[in-house]
Amino acid sequence: MATDFGPPAEPPEGLTERSQKLWRAVVFPGCAEGRLASVHSALKSLDMADKAAAILDRDGLTTTNADTKVVHAHPLTKVEKDSRATFHRIWEQLGLNQFATPKPYGR
C-alpha cells in the first residue's frame, strides 16, 4: 500500500536561486524534519560562502590597516572557507555529493 506524502516542502525564504534549485533537487515528499533542517543549514552556508566570495572578488584577498599600513588577509577569506567547508561536510553527511555544485577553483 503506497503512502501519499504530498508535495515536497518548498525552499525556505532567504535562499538564493541556486540554493533553491539544489533544495528542489534533494528534498522529496515525506522528507524528515531533521533532514530538511540539515539541508537548509547546508544551503545557508553555501549562500554565505558565495556572498563572501563575491565581496572578496570585488575587494581583493587582503586589506591594509589604515593606521599601521600592515597588509592582512581579508577577514572574509575565513568566512568563505569555513562556510564552504560546512556546506560540504553537511552535504557529505546527507549523502548528497552527487548534487554538489562547488565553485571552480581560481577566481
PDB file of N, CA and C in Angstrom:
ATOM      1  N   MET A   1       0.837  -1.163   0.000  1.00  0.00           N
ATOM      2  CA  MET A   1       0.000   0.000   0.000  1.00  0.00           C
ATOM      3  C   MET A   1       0.895   1.243   0.000  1.00  0.00           C
ATOM      4  N   ALA A   2       0.746   2.073  -0.997  1.00  0.00           N
ATOM      5  CA  ALA A   2       1.565   3.286  -1.129  1.00  0.00           C
ATOM      6  C   ALA A   2       1.021   4.385  -0.219  1.00  0.00           C
ATOM      7  N   THR A   3       1.927   5.162   0.303  1.00  0.00           N
ATOM      8  CA  THR A   3       1.556   6.297   1.141  1.00  0.00           C
ATOM      9  C   THR A   3       1.763   7.570   0.348  1.00  0.00           C
ATOM     10  N   ASP A   4       0.757   8.444   0.380  1.00  0.00           N
ATOM     11  CA  ASP A   4       0.876   9.727  -0.310  1.00  0.00           C
ATOM     12  C   ASP A   4       1.385  10.763   0.685  1.00  0.00           C
ATOM     13  N   PHE A   5       2.619  11.196   0.498  1.00  0.00           N
ATOM     14  CA  PHE A   5       3.222  12.173   1.392  1.00  0.00           C
ATOM     15  C   PHE A   5       2.944  13.599   0.938  1.00  0.00           C
ATOM     16  N   GLY A   6       2.286  13.769  -0.198  1.00  0.00           N
ATOM     17  CA  GLY A   6       2.027  15.109  -0.703  1.00  0.00           C
ATOM     18  C   GLY A   6       3.253  15.673  -1.400  1.00  0.00           C
ATOM     19  N   PRO A   7       3.176  16.942  -1.762  1.00  0.00           N
ATOM     20  CA  PRO A   7       4.311  17.556  -2.476  1.00  0.00           C
ATOM     21  C   PRO A   7       5.484  17.794  -1.527  1.00  0.00           C
ATOM     22  N   PRO A   8       6.685  17.879  -2.085  1.00  0.00           N
ATOM     23  CA  PRO A   8       7.847  18.180  -1.241  1.00  0.00           C
ATOM     24  C   PRO A   8       7.761  19.593  -0.683  1.00  0.00           C
ATOM     25  N   ALA A   9       8.447  19.808   0.428  1.00  0.00           N
ATOM     26  CA  ALA A   9       8.469  21.135   1.056  1.00  0.00           C
ATOM     27  C   ALA A   9       9.103  22.150   0.113  1.00  0.00           C
ATOM     28  N   GLU A  10       8.537  23.338   0.106  1.00  0.00           N
ATOM     29  CA  GLU A  10       9.096  24.433  -0.682  1.00  0.00           C
ATOM     30  C   GLU A  10      10.375  24.939  -0.006  1.00  0.00           C
ATOM     31  N   PRO A  11      11.303  25.503  -0.785  1.00  0.00           N
ATOM     32  CA  PRO A  11      12.523  26.051  -0.182  1.00  0.00           C
ATOM     33  C   PRO A  11      12.191  27.161   0.805  1.00  0.00           C
ATOM     34  N   PRO A  12      12.913  27.234   1.915  1.00  0.00           N
ATOM     35  CA  PRO A  12      12.698  28.325   2.869  1.00  0.00           C
ATOM     36  C   PRO A  12      13.030  29.671   2.243  1.00  0.00           C
ATOM     37  N   GLU A  13      12.386  30.703   2.732  1.00  0.00           N
ATOM     38  CA  GLU A  13      12.678  32.059   2.242  1.00  0.00           C
ATOM     39  C   GLU A  13      14.108  32.432   2.600  1.00  0.00           C
ATOM     40  N   GLY A  14      14.696  33.265   1.765  1.00  0.00           N
ATOM     41  CA  GLY A  14      16.032  33.775   2.041  1.00  0.00           C
ATOM     42  C   GLY A  14      17.142  33.025   1.331  1.00  0.00           C
ATOM     43  N   LEU A  15      16.827  31.887   0.715  1.00  0.00           N
ATOM     44  CA  LEU A  15      17.855  31.163  -0.036  1.00  0.00           C
ATOM     45  C   LEU A  15      18.006  31.772  -1.422  1.00  0.00           C
ATOM     46  N   THR A  16      19.224  31.741  -1.945  1.00  0.00           N
ATOM     47  CA  THR A  16      19.456  32.238  -3.296  1.00  0.00           C
ATOM     48  C   THR A  16      18.789  31.314  -4.313  1.00  0.00           C
ATOM     49  N   GLU A  17      18.691  31.771  -5.532  1.00  0.00           N
ATOM     50  CA  GLU A  17      18.094  30.957  -6.594  1.00  0.00           C
ATOM     51  C   GLU A  17      18.851  29.634  -6.747  1.00  0.00           C
ATOM     52  N   ARG A  18      20.175  29.704  -6.695  1.00  0.00           N
ATOM     53  CA  ARG A  18      20.997  28.496  -6.809  1.00  0.00           C
ATOM     54  C   ARG A  18      20.653  27.501  -5.702  1.00  0.00           C
ATOM     55  N   SER A  19      20.545  27.992  -4.469  1.00  0.00           N
ATOM     56  CA  SER A  19      20.234  27.111  -3.347  1.00  0.00           C
ATOM     57  C   SER A  19      18.806  26.587  -3.428  1.00  0.00           C
ATOM     58  N   GLN A  20      17.890  27.392  -3.933  1.00  0.00           N
ATOM     59  CA  GLN A  20      16.516  26.916  -4.116  1.00  0.00           C
ATOM     60  C   GLN A  20      16.475  25.754  -5.110  1.00  0.00           C
ATOM     61  N   LYS A  21      17.275  25.841  -6.168  1.00  0.00           N
ATOM     62  CA  LYS A  21      17.334  24.750  -7.148  1.00  0.00           C
ATOM     63  C   LYS A  21      17.903  23.485  -6.510  1.00  0.00           C
ATOM     64  N   LEU A  22      18.957  23.649  -5.714  1.00  0.00           N
ATOM     65  CA  LEU A  22      19.521  22.491  -5.019  1.00  0.00           C
ATOM     66  C   LEU A  22      18.506  21.895  -4.052  1.00  0.00           C
ATOM     67  N   TRP A  23      17.785  22.753  -3.320  1.00  0.00           N
ATOM     68  CA  TRP A  23      16.744  22.279  -2.401  1.00  0.00           C
ATOM     69  C   TRP A  23      15.759  21.389  -3.150  1.00  0.00           C
ATOM     70  N   ARG A  24      15.268  21.893  -4.275  1.00  0.00           N
ATOM     71  CA  ARG A  24      14.267  21.133  -5.044  1.00  0.00           C
ATOM     72  C   ARG A  24      14.838  19.830  -5.597  1.00  0.00           C
ATOM     73  N   ALA A  25      16.140  19.791  -5.810  1.00  0.00           N
ATOM     74  CA  ALA A  25      16.772  18.569  -6.329  1.00  0.00           C
ATOM     75  C   ALA A  25      16.928  17.485  -5.266  1.00  0.00           C
ATOM     76  N   VAL A  26      16.989  17.873  -3.991  1.00  0.00           N
ATOM     77  CA  VAL A  26      17.297  16.887  -2.949  1.00  0.00           C
ATOM     78  C   VAL A  26      16.179  16.663  -1.937  1.00  0.00           C
ATOM     79  N   VAL A  27      15.173  17.539  -1.902  1.00  0.00           N
ATOM     80  CA  VAL A  27      14.067  17.375  -0.962  1.00  0.00           C
ATOM     81  C   VAL A  27      12.928  16.656  -1.678  1.00  0.00           C
ATOM     82  N   PHE A  28      12.424  15.606  -1.062  1.00  0.00           N
ATOM     83  CA  PHE A  28      11.391  14.781  -1.665  1.00  0.00           C
ATOM     84  C   PHE A  28      10.189  14.705  -0.722  1.00  0.00           C
ATOM     85  N   PRO A  29       9.032  14.287  -1.234  1.00  0.00           N
ATOM     86  CA  PRO A  29       7.861  14.158  -0.363  1.00  0.00           C
ATOM     87  C   PRO A  29       8.152  13.216   0.806  1.00  0.00           C
ATOM     88  N   GLY A  30       7.727  13.610   1.979  1.00  0.00           N
ATOM     89  CA  GLY A  30       7.926  12.778   3.156  1.00  0.00           C
ATOM     90  C   GLY A  30       9.294  12.917   3.800  1.00  0.00           C
ATOM     91  N   CYS A  31      10.065  13.892   3.370  1.00  0.00           N
ATOM     92  CA  CYS A  31      11.399  14.126   3.929  1.00  0.00           C
ATOM     93  C   CYS A  31      11.276  14.418   5.430  1.00  0.00           C
ATOM     94  N   ALA A  32      12.135  13.804   6.227  1.00  0.00           N
ATOM     95  CA  ALA A  32      12.117  14.008   7.675  1.00  0.00           C
ATOM     96  C   ALA A  32      12.499  15.441   8.019  1.00  0.00           C
ATOM     97  N   GLU A  33      11.924  15.939   9.107  1.00  0.00           N
ATOM     98  CA  GLU A  33      12.205  17.310   9.542  1.00  0.00           C
ATOM     99  C   GLU A  33      13.704  17.526   9.786  1.00  0.00           C
ATOM    100  N   GLY A  34      14.372  16.536  10.364  1.00  0.00           N
ATOM    101  CA  GLY A  34      15.810  16.662  10.618  1.00  0.00           C
ATOM    102  C   GLY A  34      16.600  16.816   9.333  1.00  0.00           C
ATOM    103  N   ARG A  35      16.202  16.071   8.300  1.00  0.00           N
ATOM    104  CA  ARG A  35      16.873  16.188   7.003  1.00  0.00           C
ATOM    105  C   ARG A  35      16.628  17.570   6.405  1.00  0.00           C
ATOM    106  N   LEU A  36      15.384  18.055   6.510  1.00  0.00           N
ATOM    107  CA  LEU A  36      15.071  19.386   5.980  1.00  0.00           C
ATOM    108  C   LEU A  36      15.919  20.446   6.682  1.00  0.00           C
ATOM    109  N   ALA A  37      16.053  20.322   7.992  1.00  0.00           N
ATOM    110  CA  ALA A  37      16.858  21.291   8.744  1.00  0.00           C
ATOM    111  C   ALA A  37      18.321  21.224   8.320  1.00  0.00           C
ATOM    112  N   SER A  38      18.839  20.022   8.094  1.00  0.00           N
ATOM    113  CA  SER A  38      20.237  19.880   7.676  1.00  0.00           C
ATOM    114  C   SER A  38      20.466  20.442   6.282  1.00  0.00           C
ATOM    115  N   VAL A  39      19.546  20.163   5.369  1.00  0.00           N
ATOM    116  CA  VAL A  39      19.654  20.700   4.008  1.00  0.00           C
ATOM    117  C   VAL A  39      19.610  22.227   4.065  1.00  0.00           C
ATOM    118  N   HIS A  40      18.709  22.773   4.869  1.00  0.00           N
ATOM    119  CA  HIS A  40      18.605  24.227   4.991  1.00  0.00           C
ATOM    120  C   HIS A  40      19.903  24.823   5.537  1.00  0.00           C
ATOM    121  N   SER A  41      20.467  24.215   6.576  1.00  0.00           N
ATOM    122  CA  SER A  41      21.731  24.701   7.146  1.00  0.00           C
ATOM    123  C   SER A  41      22.855  24.659   6.119  1.00  0.00           C
ATOM    124  N   ALA A  42      22.917  23.565   5.369  1.00  0.00           N
ATOM    125  CA  ALA A  42      23.955  23.441   4.343  1.00  0.00           C
ATOM    126  C   ALA A  42      23.819  24.542   3.299  1.00  0.00           C
ATOM    127  N   LEU A  43      22.602  24.766   2.847  1.00  0.00           N
ATOM    128  CA  LEU A  43      22.396  25.755   1.789  1.00  0.00           C
ATOM    129  C   LEU A  43      22.609  27.182   2.288  1.00  0.00           C
ATOM    130  N   LYS A  44      22.284  27.456   3.530  1.00  0.00           N
ATOM    131  CA  LYS A  44      22.598  28.773   4.099  1.00  0.00           C
ATOM    132  C   LYS A  44      24.110  28.977   4.143  1.00  0.00           C
ATOM    133  N   SER A  45      24.844  27.918   4.469  1.00  0.00           N
ATOM    134  CA  SER A  45      26.311  28.012   4.481  1.00  0.00           C
ATOM    135  C   SER A  45      26.844  28.248   3.075  1.00  0.00           C
ATOM    136  N   LEU A  46      26.278  27.563   2.100  1.00  0.00           N
ATOM    137  CA  LEU A  46      26.702  27.753   0.711  1.00  0.00           C
ATOM    138  C   LEU A  46      26.450  29.195   0.273  1.00  0.00           C
ATOM    139  N   ASP A  47      25.274  29.724   0.617  1.00  0.00           N
ATOM    140  CA  ASP A  47      24.964  31.109   0.254  1.00  0.00           C
ATOM    141  C   ASP A  47      25.923  32.086   0.928  1.00  0.00           C
ATOM    142  N   MET A  48      26.254  31.830   2.183  1.00  0.00           N
ATOM    143  CA  MET A  48      27.194  32.697   2.902  1.00  0.00           C
ATOM    144  C   MET A  48      28.565  32.655   2.228  1.00  0.00           C
ATOM    145  N   ALA A  49      29.007  31.465   1.844  1.00  0.00           N
ATOM    146  CA  ALA A  49      30.301  31.332   1.164  1.00  0.00           C
ATOM    147  C   ALA A  49      30.294  32.101  -0.152  1.00  0.00           C
ATOM    148  N   ASP A  50      29.210  31.995  -0.889  1.00  0.00           N
ATOM    149  CA  ASP A  50      29.115  32.692  -2.169  1.00  0.00           C
ATOM    150  C   ASP A  50      29.095  34.217  -1.987  1.00  0.00           C
ATOM    151  N   LYS A  51      28.399  34.688  -0.947  1.00  0.00           N
ATOM    152  CA  LYS A  51      28.376  36.129  -0.674  1.00  0.00           C
ATOM    153  C   LYS A  51      29.775  36.625  -0.305  1.00  0.00           C
ATOM    154  N   ALA A  52      30.451  35.870   0.540  1.00  0.00           N
ATOM    155  CA  ALA A  52      31.812  36.250   0.928  1.00  0.00           C
ATOM    156  C   ALA A  52      32.726  36.253  -0.290  1.00  0.00           C
ATOM    157  N   ALA A  53      32.583  35.243  -1.149  1.00  0.00           N
ATOM    158  CA  ALA A  53      33.419  35.162  -2.351  1.00  0.00           C
ATOM    159  C   ALA A  53      33.184  36.358  -3.274  1.00  0.00           C
ATOM    160  N   ALA A  54      31.933  36.784  -3.393  1.00  0.00           N
ATOM    161  CA  ALA A  54      31.630  37.939  -4.243  1.00  0.00           C
ATOM    162  C   ALA A  54      32.291  39.211  -3.705  1.00  0.00           C
ATOM    163  N   ILE A  55      32.265  39.371  -2.395  1.00  0.00           N
ATOM    164  CA  ILE A  55      32.911  40.545  -1.799  1.00  0.00           C
ATOM    165  C   ILE A  55      34.425  40.457  -1.971  1.00  0.00           C
ATOM    166  N   LEU A  56      34.985  39.263  -1.801  1.00  0.00           N
ATOM    167  CA  LEU A  56      36.427  39.088  -1.998  1.00  0.00           C
ATOM    168  C   LEU A  56      36.825  39.358  -3.450  1.00  0.00           C
ATOM    169  N   ASP A  57      35.986  38.934  -4.378  1.00  0.00           N
ATOM    170  CA  ASP A  57      36.265  39.220  -5.790  1.00  0.00           C
ATOM    171  C   ASP A  57      36.309  40.728  -6.030  1.00  0.00           C
ATOM    172  N   ARG A  58      35.429  41.456  -5.358  1.00  0.00           N
ATOM    173  CA  ARG A  58      35.364  42.902  -5.521  1.00  0.00           C
ATOM    174  C   ARG A  58      36.498  43.623  -4.784  1.00  0.00           C
ATOM    175  N   ASP A  59      36.759  43.214  -3.519  1.00  0.00           N
ATOM    176  CA  ASP A  59      37.692  43.939  -2.657  1.00  0.00           C
ATOM    177  C   ASP A  59      39.117  43.408  -2.675  1.00  0.00           C
ATOM    178  N   GLY A  60      39.298  42.175  -3.104  1.00  0.00           N
ATOM    179  CA  GLY A  60      40.619  41.564  -3.060  1.00  0.00           C
ATOM    180  C   GLY A  60      40.786  40.715  -1.804  1.00  0.00           C
ATOM    181  N   LEU A  61      41.838  39.928  -1.780  1.00  0.00           N
ATOM    182  CA  LEU A  61      42.063  38.981  -0.699  1.00  0.00           C
ATOM    183  C   LEU A  61      42.768  39.582   0.507  1.00  0.00           C
ATOM    184  N   THR A  62      43.215  40.823   0.389  1.00  0.00           N
ATOM    185  CA  THR A  62      43.919  41.457   1.511  1.00  0.00           C
ATOM    186  C   THR A  62      43.298  42.808   1.830  1.00  0.00           C
ATOM    187  N   THR A  63      43.541  43.236   3.059  1.00  0.00           N
ATOM    188  CA  THR A  63      43.169  44.577   3.496  1.00  0.00           C
ATOM    189  C   THR A  63      44.405  45.216   4.128  1.00  0.00           C
ATOM    190  N   THR A  64      44.439  46.509   4.135  1.00  0.00           N
ATOM    191  CA  THR A  64      45.563  47.231   4.732  1.00  0.00           C
ATOM    192  C   THR A  64      45.054  48.043   5.913  1.00  0.00           C
ATOM    193  N   ASN A  65      45.698  47.857   7.066  1.00  0.00           N
ATOM    194  CA  ASN A  65      45.349  48.605   8.260  1.00  0.00           C
ATOM    195  C   ASN A  65      45.625  50.085   8.010  1.00  0.00           C
ATOM    196  N   ALA A  66      44.618  50.910   8.259  1.00  0.00           N
ATOM    197  CA  ALA A  66      44.742  52.346   7.977  1.00  0.00           C
ATOM    198  C   ALA A  66      45.806  53.017   8.832  1.00  0.00           C
ATOM    199  N   ASP A  67      45.990  52.548  10.059  1.00  0.00           N
ATOM    200  CA  ASP A  67      46.962  53.181  10.958  1.00  0.00           C
ATOM    201  C   ASP A  67      48.382  52.690  10.721  1.00  0.00           C
ATOM    202  N   THR A  68      48.543  51.373  10.659  1.00  0.00           N
ATOM    203  CA  THR A  68      49.898  50.809  10.599  1.00  0.00           C
ATOM    204  C   THR A  68      50.361  50.495   9.187  1.00  0.00           C
ATOM    205  N   LYS A  69      49.435  50.490   8.241  1.00  0.00           N
ATOM    206  CA  LYS A  69      49.718  50.156   6.836  1.00  0.00           C
ATOM    207  C   LYS A  69      50.157  48.691   6.659  1.00  0.00           C
ATOM    208  N   VAL A  70      49.866  47.864   7.658  1.00  0.00           N
ATOM    209  CA  VAL A  70      50.191  46.441   7.572  1.00  0.00           C
ATOM    210  C   VAL A  70      49.106  45.742   6.755  1.00  0.00           C
ATOM    211  N   VAL A  71      49.529  44.869   5.849  1.00  0.00           N
ATOM    212  CA  VAL A  71      48.601  44.133   4.997  1.00  0.00           C
ATOM    213  C   VAL A  71      48.206  42.833   5.704  1.00  0.00           C
ATOM    214  N   HIS A  72      46.917  42.580   5.731  1.00  0.00           N
ATOM    215  CA  HIS A  72      46.366  41.372   6.350  1.00  0.00           C
ATOM    216  C   HIS A  72      45.459  40.660   5.363  1.00  0.00           C
ATOM    217  N   ALA A  73      45.260  39.363   5.604  1.00  0.00           N
ATOM    218  CA  ALA A  73      44.253  38.634   4.830  1.00  0.00           C
ATOM    219  C   ALA A  73      42.889  39.251   5.119  1.00  0.00           C
ATOM    220  N   HIS A  74      42.074  39.371   4.103  1.00  0.00           N
ATOM    221  CA  HIS A  74      40.729  39.913   4.271  1.00  0.00           C
ATOM    222  C   HIS A  74      39.973  39.002   5.239  1.00  0.00           C
ATOM    223  N   PRO A  75      39.253  39.554   6.205  1.00  0.00           N
ATOM    224  CA  PRO A  75      38.531  38.729   7.177  1.00  0.00           C
ATOM    225  C   PRO A  75      37.527  37.760   6.544  1.00  0.00           C
ATOM    226  N   LEU A  76      37.014  38.113   5.376  1.00  0.00           N
ATOM    227  CA  LEU A  76      36.028  37.238   4.739  1.00  0.00           C
ATOM    228  C   LEU A  76      36.639  35.996   4.098  1.00  0.00           C
ATOM    229  N   THR A  77      37.983  35.937   3.986  1.00  0.00           N
ATOM    230  CA  THR A  77      38.585  34.702   3.464  1.00  0.00           C
ATOM    231  C   THR A  77      38.257  33.536   4.392  1.00  0.00           C
ATOM    232  N   LYS A  78      38.287  33.776   5.695  1.00  0.00           N
ATOM    233  CA  LYS A  78      37.956  32.734   6.667  1.00  0.00           C
ATOM    234  C   LYS A  78      36.462  32.394   6.618  1.00  0.00           C
ATOM    235  N   VAL A  79      35.631  33.400   6.455  1.00  0.00           N
ATOM    236  CA  VAL A  79      34.187  33.163   6.367  1.00  0.00           C
ATOM    237  C   VAL A  79      33.882  32.285   5.155  1.00  0.00           C
ATOM    238  N   GLU A  80      34.486  32.612   4.002  1.00  0.00           N
ATOM    239  CA  GLU A  80      34.235  31.812   2.804  1.00  0.00           C
ATOM    240  C   GLU A  80      34.702  30.378   3.009  1.00  0.00           C
ATOM    241  N   LYS A  81      35.923  30.231   3.507  1.00  0.00           N
ATOM    242  CA  LYS A  81      36.489  28.894   3.707  1.00  0.00           C
ATOM    243  C   LYS A  81      35.633  28.068   4.674  1.00  0.00           C
ATOM    244  N   ASP A  82      35.308  28.643   5.814  1.00  0.00           N
ATOM    245  CA  ASP A  82      34.546  27.909   6.829  1.00  0.00           C
ATOM    246  C   ASP A  82      33.124  27.596   6.355  1.00  0.00           C
ATOM    247  N   SER A  83      32.495  28.541   5.676  1.00  0.00           N
ATOM    248  CA  SER A  83      31.130  28.323   5.199  1.00  0.00           C
ATOM    249  C   SER A  83      31.092  27.246   4.119  1.00  0.00           C
ATOM    250  N   ARG A  84      32.054  27.285   3.206  1.00  0.00           N
ATOM    251  CA  ARG A  84      32.091  26.268   2.157  1.00  0.00           C
ATOM    252  C   ARG A  84      32.384  24.886   2.749  1.00  0.00           C
ATOM    253  N   ALA A  85      33.273  24.842   3.739  1.00  0.00           N
ATOM    254  CA  ALA A  85      33.585  23.565   4.402  1.00  0.00           C
ATOM    255  C   ALA A  85      32.354  23.020   5.130  1.00  0.00           C
ATOM    256  N   THR A  86      31.600  23.902   5.770  1.00  0.00           N
ATOM    257  CA  THR A  86      30.381  23.474   6.461  1.00  0.00           C
ATOM    258  C   THR A  86      29.382  22.909   5.471  1.00  0.00           C
ATOM    259  N   PHE A  87      29.196  23.595   4.346  1.00  0.00           N
ATOM    260  CA  PHE A  87      28.296  23.082   3.307  1.00  0.00           C
ATOM    261  C   PHE A  87      28.714  21.684   2.879  1.00  0.00           C
ATOM    262  N   HIS A  88      29.979  21.518   2.531  1.00  0.00           N
ATOM    263  CA  HIS A  88      30.440  20.218   2.037  1.00  0.00           C
ATOM    264  C   HIS A  88      30.344  19.133   3.100  1.00  0.00           C
ATOM    265  N   ARG A  89      30.620  19.479   4.355  1.00  0.00           N
ATOM    266  CA  ARG A  89      30.537  18.490   5.432  1.00  0.00           C
ATOM    267  C   ARG A  89      29.093  17.999   5.594  1.00  0.00           C
ATOM    268  N   ILE A  90      28.139  18.915   5.656  1.00  0.00           N
ATOM    269  CA  ILE A  90      26.736  18.527   5.816  1.00  0.00           C
ATOM    270  C   ILE A  90      26.259  17.765   4.583  1.00  0.00           C
ATOM    271  N   TRP A  91      26.622  18.251   3.419  1.00  0.00           N
ATOM    272  CA  TRP A  91      26.191  17.619   2.163  1.00  0.00           C
ATOM    273  C   TRP A  91      26.685  16.173   2.112  1.00  0.00           C
ATOM    274  N   GLU A  92      27.937  15.975   2.509  1.00  0.00           N
ATOM    275  CA  GLU A  92      28.501  14.621   2.523  1.00  0.00           C
ATOM    276  C   GLU A  92      27.798  13.750   3.553  1.00  0.00           C
ATOM    277  N   GLN A  93      27.518  14.284   4.739  1.00  0.00           N
ATOM    278  CA  GLN A  93      26.827  13.522   5.781  1.00  0.00           C
ATOM    279  C   GLN A  93      25.438  13.094   5.320  1.00  0.00           C
ATOM    280  N   LEU A  94      24.809  13.908   4.488  1.00  0.00           N
ATOM    281  CA  LEU A  94      23.493  13.568   3.957  1.00  0.00           C
ATOM    282  C   LEU A  94      23.569  12.650   2.743  1.00  0.00           C
ATOM    283  N   GLY A  95      24.777  12.367   2.275  1.00  0.00           N
ATOM    284  CA  GLY A  95      24.940  11.507   1.097  1.00  0.00           C
ATOM    285  C   GLY A  95      24.525  12.192  -0.188  1.00  0.00           C
ATOM    286  N   LEU A  96      24.731  13.494  -0.278  1.00  0.00           N
ATOM    287  CA  LEU A  96      24.259  14.279  -1.422  1.00  0.00           C
ATOM    288  C   LEU A  96      25.382  14.777  -2.323  1.00  0.00           C
ATOM    289  N   ASN A  97      26.538  14.189  -2.259  1.00  0.00           N
ATOM    290  CA  ASN A  97      27.677  14.694  -3.033  1.00  0.00           C
ATOM    291  C   ASN A  97      27.397  14.787  -4.526  1.00  0.00           C
ATOM    292  N   GLN A  98      26.547  13.920  -5.043  1.00  0.00           N
ATOM    293  CA  GLN A  98      26.263  13.966  -6.481  1.00  0.00           C
ATOM    294  C   GLN A  98      25.490  15.228  -6.865  1.00  0.00           C
ATOM    295  N   PHE A  99      24.924  15.924  -5.873  1.00  0.00           N
ATOM    296  CA  PHE A  99      24.178  17.145  -6.141  1.00  0.00           C
ATOM    297  C   PHE A  99      24.997  18.403  -5.858  1.00  0.00           C
ATOM    298  N   ALA A 100      26.211  18.254  -5.359  1.00  0.00           N
ATOM    299  CA  ALA A 100      27.035  19.412  -5.014  1.00  0.00           C
ATOM    300  C   ALA A 100      27.426  20.167  -6.274  1.00  0.00           C
ATOM    301  N   THR A 101      27.449  21.477  -6.160  1.00  0.00           N
ATOM    302  CA  THR A 101      27.874  22.313  -7.281  1.00  0.00           C
ATOM    303  C   THR A 101      28.945  23.267  -6.761  1.00  0.00           C
ATOM    304  N   PRO A 102      30.153  22.734  -6.511  1.00  0.00           N
ATOM    305  CA  PRO A 102      31.192  23.590  -5.935  1.00  0.00           C
ATOM    306  C   PRO A 102      31.618  24.673  -6.908  1.00  0.00           C
ATOM    307  N   LYS A 103      32.081  25.766  -6.322  1.00  0.00           N
ATOM    308  CA  LYS A 103      32.623  26.859  -7.123  1.00  0.00           C
ATOM    309  C   LYS A 103      33.967  26.407  -7.674  1.00  0.00           C
ATOM    310  N   PRO A 104      34.227  26.621  -8.956  1.00  0.00           N
ATOM    311  CA  PRO A 104      35.519  26.229  -9.514  1.00  0.00           C
ATOM    312  C   PRO A 104      36.666  26.974  -8.822  1.00  0.00           C
ATOM    313  N   TYR A 105      37.804  26.310  -8.749  1.00  0.00           N
ATOM    314  CA  TYR A 105      38.971  26.945  -8.145  1.00  0.00           C
ATOM    315  C   TYR A 105      39.476  28.055  -9.049  1.00  0.00           C
ATOM    316  N   GLY A 106      40.075  29.041  -8.414  1.00  0.00           N
ATOM    317  CA  GLY A 106      40.608  30.178  -9.172  1.00  0.00           C
ATOM    318  C   GLY A 106      39.523  31.227  -9.338  1.00  0.00           C
ATOM    319  N   ARG A 107      39.920  32.421  -9.259  1.00  0.00           N
ATOM    320  CA  ARG A 107      38.923  33.500  -9.361  1.00  0.00           C
ATOM    321  C   ARG A 107      38.964  34.129 -10.721  1.00  0.00           C
TER     322      ARG A 107
END
